[in-house]
Amino acid sequence: MILTVTLNASIDKMYLLPSIQPETVMRVREVHNSSGGKGLNVSRVAAKLGEKVVAMGFTGGMNGRYLESLITEPEIEPAFTHVEAETRCCINCWDASAARSTEYLEPGAPVTGEETDRFFSDFDGRLPQASVVTVSGSAPQGVPDDAYDRIIRRCREVGVPILLDTSGKRLTRALAERPDLVKPNLDEIAQLTGSVPQSRDEQMAAVSKLHEAGIAYAALSLGGEGVLLACDMGVYEACPPRITPQNTVGCGDSMVAGFAVGLSRKLPVEEWLRMAVAVSAANALSLYTGDFDMRDYETLYPQVHIRKIG
């Protein structure tokens, strides 16, 4: 079972519009609602790849109940800690004429210390059954700065691999606890190193430094160019084939799901790298976040090019 943690869950609303014009009334052509937050995108993709998933985090109020009702996949078990505050909503506006989207992300409503303690109690109860844990995204107000550090320590104590996908101060401080895998993009790794690595040599050096600091699998997400991964076996480059993306929101979460499934199944590094890049590219071919067509995935999988470069 893969256990996903989404402390800042949301109802994700996608508005499909023929075009977006300022200072006028815009009528939405279609609305697509889904259970959101980065970890729930991971949950849906991992489930579609055939894994059992337990989804944890915070939900609250009518929005929280609605969010949980949107989780219809039989492979996903919602196991959220219920809080008083309303779960947030996030909006993604898709402009069909320009083939681009704009996201509006609400902050998470505050949670209390008692609610945070209940989450950790719930988490401790589920952790021993997990094969892999993923922790994704931001945290709502009221969650202590060391929350992700504590989750990593608990995972290490029981020997469960943990994948961390976050940014900013929470990523910086959590690295000291040595999660098994991190997946910064170029902007996020610049927050750690002070500059964006431009050349392939600079990117290899940046990801290798993370690995040398104690991260077993240090991945650098390169968007449409794929990913670099540094581990004990060396540095690998995994590149997807050329595609025409529909919507790239959720591609990073899909990649994390591929990593989690590969680690859960104890696949060789090259295989779970191929899975992660293929499912990320398949997500880009879908309009919807954390979603893909299995036929696209199966077509893309053998076309992912992997080579050892260090």
Protein backbone atom coordinates (compact mmCIF):
# COMPACT_ATOMS: atom_id res chain seq x y z
CA MET A 1 0.00 0.00 0.00
CA ILE A 2 1.20 3.52 -0.86
CA LEU A 3 0.38 6.11 1.78
CA THR A 4 0.02 9.67 0.46
CA VAL A 5 0.04 12.78 2.67
CA THR A 6 -1.70 15.96 1.51
CA LEU A 7 -1.84 18.38 4.42
CA ASN A 8 -3.22 21.19 2.24
CA ALA A 9 -5.91 19.31 0.32
CA SER A 10 -8.35 21.22 -1.89
CA ILE A 11 -11.32 20.94 -4.17
CA ASP A 12 -9.76 21.56 -7.56
CA LYS A 13 -12.10 23.27 -10.00
CA MET A 14 -11.13 23.41 -13.65
CA TYR A 15 -12.95 25.99 -15.77
CA LEU A 16 -12.86 25.36 -19.51
CA LEU A 17 -13.40 28.56 -21.50
CA PRO A 18 -13.25 29.23 -25.26
CA SER A 19 -11.09 32.26 -24.47
CA ILE A 20 -10.34 34.59 -21.56
CA GLN A 21 -10.88 38.33 -21.96
CA PRO A 22 -10.24 40.92 -19.22
CA GLU A 23 -12.88 43.28 -17.85
CA THR A 24 -15.88 41.37 -19.14
CA VAL A 25 -18.27 38.61 -18.10
CA MET A 26 -16.87 35.19 -18.95
CA ARG A 27 -19.18 32.19 -19.19
CA VAL A 28 -17.58 28.88 -18.36
CA ARG A 29 -18.18 26.21 -21.01
CA GLU A 30 -17.47 23.25 -18.73
CA VAL A 31 -16.51 22.67 -15.08
CA HIS A 32 -14.48 19.69 -13.89
CA ASN A 33 -14.18 19.15 -10.11
CA SER A 34 -11.65 16.80 -8.54
CA SER A 35 -10.09 16.01 -5.19
CA GLY A 36 -6.97 18.12 -5.21
CA GLY A 37 -3.74 19.03 -3.58
CA LYS A 38 -0.53 17.52 -4.94
CA GLY A 39 -0.74 14.34 -2.88
CA LEU A 40 -4.22 13.52 -4.13
CA ASN A 41 -2.97 13.88 -7.70
CA VAL A 42 -0.29 11.35 -6.74
CA SER A 43 -3.00 9.11 -5.27
CA ARG A 44 -5.10 9.04 -8.45
CA VAL A 45 -2.16 8.29 -10.72
CA ALA A 46 -0.76 5.56 -8.45
CA ALA A 47 -4.21 4.00 -8.25
CA LYS A 48 -4.57 4.04 -12.03
CA LEU A 49 -1.19 2.29 -12.25
CA GLY A 50 -2.69 -0.50 -10.16
CA GLU A 51 -1.64 0.29 -6.59
CA LYS A 52 -3.69 0.38 -3.41
CA VAL A 53 -3.49 3.85 -1.85
CA VAL A 54 -4.39 5.31 1.55
CA ALA A 55 -4.84 9.09 1.27
CA MET A 56 -4.18 11.09 4.45
CA GLY A 57 -4.11 14.77 5.41
CA PHE A 58 -6.69 17.30 6.62
CA THR A 59 -10.25 17.84 5.42
CA GLY A 60 -12.91 20.00 7.04
CA GLY A 61 -16.47 21.28 6.74
CA MET A 62 -18.83 20.86 3.81
CA ASN A 63 -15.95 21.29 1.38
CA GLY A 64 -14.05 18.49 3.07
CA ARG A 65 -17.01 16.14 2.83
CA TYR A 66 -17.46 17.03 -0.83
CA LEU A 67 -13.74 16.50 -1.51
CA GLU A 68 -13.92 13.00 -0.04
CA SER A 69 -17.03 12.23 -2.11
CA LEU A 70 -14.99 13.03 -5.23
CA ILE A 71 -12.61 10.16 -4.45
CA THR A 72 -14.43 7.44 -6.34
CA GLU A 73 -11.52 5.17 -7.23
CA PRO A 74 -11.91 1.82 -5.39
CA GLU A 75 -8.11 1.59 -5.02
CA ILE A 76 -8.00 4.78 -2.89
CA GLU A 77 -9.05 4.72 0.76
CA PRO A 78 -9.65 8.22 2.21
CA ALA A 79 -8.25 8.36 5.76
CA PHE A 80 -8.25 12.09 6.46
CA THR A 81 -8.04 13.79 9.82
CA HIS A 82 -11.20 15.89 10.11
CA VAL A 83 -10.84 19.50 11.27
CA GLU A 84 -13.18 22.42 11.97
CA ALA A 85 -11.99 24.76 9.21
CA GLU A 86 -13.33 24.48 5.68
CA THR A 87 -11.16 22.76 3.09
CA ARG A 88 -9.93 25.23 0.48
CA CYS A 89 -10.79 25.46 -3.22
CA CYS A 90 -8.34 26.04 -6.07
CA ILE A 91 -9.27 27.09 -9.60
CA ASN A 92 -7.53 26.33 -12.89
CA CYS A 93 -8.84 28.41 -15.82
CA TRP A 94 -8.15 26.84 -19.22
CA ASP A 95 -8.09 29.24 -22.16
CA ALA A 96 -8.77 27.07 -25.21
CA SER A 97 -7.90 29.80 -27.71
CA ALA A 98 -4.40 30.21 -26.29
CA ALA A 99 -4.00 26.61 -25.07
CA ARG A 100 -2.83 27.77 -21.64
CA SER A 101 -4.04 27.72 -18.07
CA THR A 102 -3.92 30.07 -15.09
CA GLU A 103 -4.19 28.73 -11.54
CA TYR A 104 -5.72 30.48 -8.52
CA LEU A 105 -4.66 28.75 -5.30
CA GLU A 106 -6.41 29.58 -2.03
CA PRO A 107 -4.38 29.38 1.17
CA GLY A 108 -5.32 26.57 3.49
CA ALA A 109 -7.50 27.52 6.46
CA PRO A 110 -5.72 27.29 9.83
CA VAL A 111 -5.61 24.02 11.78
CA THR A 112 -5.08 23.78 15.52
CA GLY A 113 -2.35 22.09 17.53
CA GLU A 114 -4.84 19.48 18.74
CA GLU A 115 -5.86 18.72 15.14
CA THR A 116 -2.20 18.38 14.11
CA ASP A 117 -1.62 15.97 17.01
CA ARG A 118 -4.59 13.89 15.86
CA PHE A 119 -3.14 13.72 12.36
CA PHE A 120 0.14 12.35 13.69
CA SER A 121 -1.73 9.79 15.76
CA ASP A 122 -3.72 8.75 12.67
CA PHE A 123 -0.53 8.65 10.59
CA ASP A 124 1.31 6.47 13.13
CA GLY A 125 -1.57 4.00 13.03
CA ARG A 126 -1.38 3.59 9.26
CA LEU A 127 2.38 3.80 8.71
CA PRO A 128 3.34 0.18 9.52
CA GLN A 129 1.15 -1.11 6.65
CA ALA A 130 2.73 1.21 4.05
CA SER A 131 5.29 0.12 1.46
CA VAL A 132 6.07 3.75 0.50
CA VAL A 133 5.02 7.17 1.83
CA THR A 134 4.72 10.32 -0.28
CA VAL A 135 4.48 13.81 1.22
CA SER A 136 3.47 16.49 -1.26
CA GLY A 137 2.82 20.20 -1.44
CA SER A 138 2.35 22.92 1.13
CA ALA A 139 0.82 22.89 4.61
CA PRO A 140 -2.01 25.04 5.99
CA GLN A 141 -1.55 27.69 8.62
CA GLY A 142 -1.06 26.29 12.10
CA VAL A 143 0.96 23.26 11.03
CA PRO A 144 4.38 23.44 12.73
CA ASP A 145 7.42 24.18 10.57
CA ASP A 146 8.90 20.80 11.52
CA ALA A 147 5.85 18.74 10.51
CA TYR A 148 7.53 17.21 7.45
CA ASP A 149 10.69 16.59 9.47
CA ARG A 150 8.62 14.60 11.98
CA ILE A 151 6.96 12.55 9.24
CA ILE A 152 10.36 11.69 7.72
CA ARG A 153 11.75 10.65 11.12
CA ARG A 154 8.75 8.39 11.76
CA CYS A 155 9.21 6.73 8.36
CA ARG A 156 12.90 6.17 8.95
CA GLU A 157 12.21 4.68 12.39
CA VAL A 158 10.02 1.94 10.87
CA GLY A 159 12.01 1.54 7.65
CA VAL A 160 9.42 2.79 5.16
CA PRO A 161 10.81 4.74 2.15
CA ILE A 162 9.56 8.34 1.99
CA LEU A 163 9.33 10.61 -1.05
CA LEU A 164 9.16 14.36 -0.40
CA ASP A 165 7.86 16.83 -2.99
CA THR A 166 7.67 20.32 -1.52
CA SER A 167 9.49 23.63 -1.78
CA GLY A 168 10.76 26.63 0.16
CA LYS A 169 11.63 26.48 3.85
CA ARG A 170 9.91 23.15 4.42
CA LEU A 171 12.09 21.50 1.77
CA THR A 172 15.28 23.16 3.01
CA ARG A 173 14.86 22.06 6.62
CA ALA A 174 13.48 18.58 5.76
CA LEU A 175 16.61 17.69 3.76
CA ALA A 176 18.50 17.39 7.04
CA GLU A 177 16.27 14.41 7.90
CA ARG A 178 17.33 12.68 4.65
CA PRO A 179 14.10 11.61 2.93
CA ASP A 180 14.71 8.75 0.52
CA LEU A 181 13.73 10.76 -2.58
CA VAL A 182 13.23 14.43 -3.39
CA LYS A 183 12.16 15.90 -6.74
CA PRO A 184 12.87 19.62 -7.01
CA ASN A 185 12.44 21.39 -10.33
CA LEU A 186 14.93 23.96 -11.60
CA ASP A 187 13.38 26.84 -9.64
CA GLU A 188 13.20 24.80 -6.44
CA ILE A 189 16.78 23.58 -6.65
CA ALA A 190 17.84 27.20 -7.20
CA GLN A 191 16.32 27.96 -3.78
CA LEU A 192 18.75 25.41 -2.34
CA THR A 193 21.86 26.33 -4.35
CA GLY A 194 21.38 30.04 -5.00
CA SER A 195 21.24 29.83 -8.80
CA VAL A 196 19.45 27.95 -11.57
CA PRO A 197 21.71 25.24 -13.05
CA GLN A 198 21.68 25.92 -16.78
CA SER A 199 24.00 23.44 -18.46
CA ARG A 200 23.72 19.67 -18.16
CA ASP A 201 27.01 19.62 -16.23
CA GLU A 202 25.65 22.16 -13.74
CA GLN A 203 22.43 20.16 -13.39
CA MET A 204 24.38 16.94 -12.81
CA ALA A 205 26.50 18.68 -10.19
CA ALA A 206 23.42 20.04 -8.39
CA VAL A 207 21.62 16.72 -8.23
CA SER A 208 24.81 14.85 -7.28
CA LYS A 209 25.35 17.26 -4.39
CA LEU A 210 21.89 16.42 -3.05
CA HIS A 211 22.69 12.72 -3.24
CA GLU A 212 26.04 13.19 -1.52
CA ALA A 213 24.21 15.03 1.28
CA GLY A 214 22.37 11.82 2.12
CA ILE A 215 19.39 11.70 -0.26
CA ALA A 216 19.31 8.15 -1.63
CA TYR A 217 17.48 9.19 -4.82
CA ALA A 218 17.89 12.85 -5.79
CA ALA A 219 15.78 13.71 -8.83
CA LEU A 220 15.83 16.99 -10.76
CA SER A 221 12.66 17.55 -12.76
CA LEU A 222 13.36 19.19 -16.13
CA GLY A 223 9.82 19.61 -17.39
CA GLY A 224 9.47 18.50 -21.00
CA GLU A 225 13.11 17.36 -21.01
CA GLY A 226 12.45 14.66 -18.41
CA VAL A 227 14.48 14.13 -15.25
CA LEU A 228 17.97 13.59 -13.91
CA LEU A 229 18.42 11.11 -11.05
CA ALA A 230 21.48 10.70 -8.85
CA CYS A 231 21.75 7.56 -6.72
CA ASP A 232 24.36 5.02 -5.60
CA MET A 233 24.34 3.46 -9.09
CA GLY A 234 25.28 6.76 -10.75
CA VAL A 235 23.51 9.63 -12.51
CA TYR A 236 20.75 8.81 -14.98
CA GLU A 237 19.02 10.92 -17.60
CA ALA A 238 15.47 9.97 -18.60
CA CYS A 239 13.90 11.84 -21.53
CA PRO A 240 10.35 11.54 -22.87
CA PRO A 241 9.54 11.56 -26.58
CA ARG A 242 8.35 14.79 -28.17
CA ILE A 243 4.68 15.44 -27.51
CA THR A 244 2.20 18.29 -27.88
CA PRO A 245 1.02 18.88 -24.31
CA GLN A 246 -2.56 19.76 -23.49
CA ASN A 247 -2.07 20.76 -19.85
CA THR A 248 1.13 20.37 -17.83
CA VAL A 249 -0.48 20.94 -14.39
CA GLY A 250 0.02 17.76 -12.37
CA CYS A 251 2.89 16.35 -14.42
CA GLY A 252 5.27 16.57 -11.47
CA ASP A 253 2.75 14.83 -9.22
CA SER A 254 2.35 12.10 -11.83
CA MET A 255 6.12 11.65 -11.86
CA VAL A 256 6.13 11.26 -8.07
CA ALA A 257 3.40 8.62 -8.40
CA GLY A 258 5.56 6.73 -10.89
CA PHE A 259 8.53 6.89 -8.52
CA ALA A 260 6.35 5.66 -5.63
CA VAL A 261 4.92 2.75 -7.61
CA GLY A 262 8.38 1.73 -8.81
CA LEU A 263 9.81 1.81 -5.29
CA SER A 264 6.79 -0.01 -3.88
CA ARG A 265 7.27 -2.80 -6.43
CA LYS A 266 11.06 -2.79 -5.86
CA LEU A 267 11.70 -2.37 -9.57
CA PRO A 268 15.19 -1.62 -10.95
CA VAL A 269 15.96 2.09 -11.14
CA GLU A 270 15.76 2.20 -14.94
CA GLU A 271 12.26 0.69 -14.88
CA TRP A 272 10.73 3.05 -12.35
CA LEU A 273 12.42 6.00 -14.03
CA ARG A 274 10.81 4.93 -17.31
CA MET A 275 7.44 4.56 -15.57
CA ALA A 276 7.67 7.98 -13.91
CA VAL A 277 8.61 9.85 -17.10
CA ALA A 278 6.04 8.03 -19.23
CA VAL A 279 3.14 8.68 -16.86
CA SER A 280 4.20 12.31 -16.45
CA ALA A 281 4.14 12.77 -20.22
CA ALA A 282 0.79 10.97 -20.43
CA ASN A 283 -0.62 13.42 -17.87
CA ALA A 284 0.49 16.29 -20.14
CA LEU A 285 -1.69 14.84 -22.91
CA SER A 286 -4.79 15.09 -20.71
CA LEU A 287 -6.66 18.31 -19.98
CA TYR A 288 -7.24 17.21 -16.42
CA THR A 289 -4.88 17.26 -13.44
CA GLY A 290 -3.54 13.98 -12.09
CA ASP A 291 -5.15 12.05 -14.92
CA PHE A 292 -3.96 10.10 -17.94
CA ASP A 293 -5.14 7.72 -20.62
CA MET A 294 -3.61 4.28 -20.14
CA ARG A 295 -3.26 3.92 -23.92
CA ASP A 296 -1.08 7.06 -23.99
CA TYR A 297 1.02 5.71 -21.13
CA GLU A 298 1.54 2.36 -22.83
CA THR A 299 2.53 4.09 -26.08
CA LEU A 300 4.96 6.46 -24.37
CA TYR A 301 6.56 3.92 -22.00
CA PRO A 302 8.87 2.20 -24.54
CA GLN A 303 9.77 5.58 -26.09
CA VAL A 304 11.35 6.99 -22.93
CA HIS A 305 15.11 7.21 -23.49
CA ILE A 306 17.29 6.41 -20.47
CA ARG A 307 21.05 6.61 -20.29
CA LYS A 308 23.64 6.64 -17.53
CA ILE A 309 25.60 9.88 -17.74
CA GLY A 310 27.66 9.82 -14.55
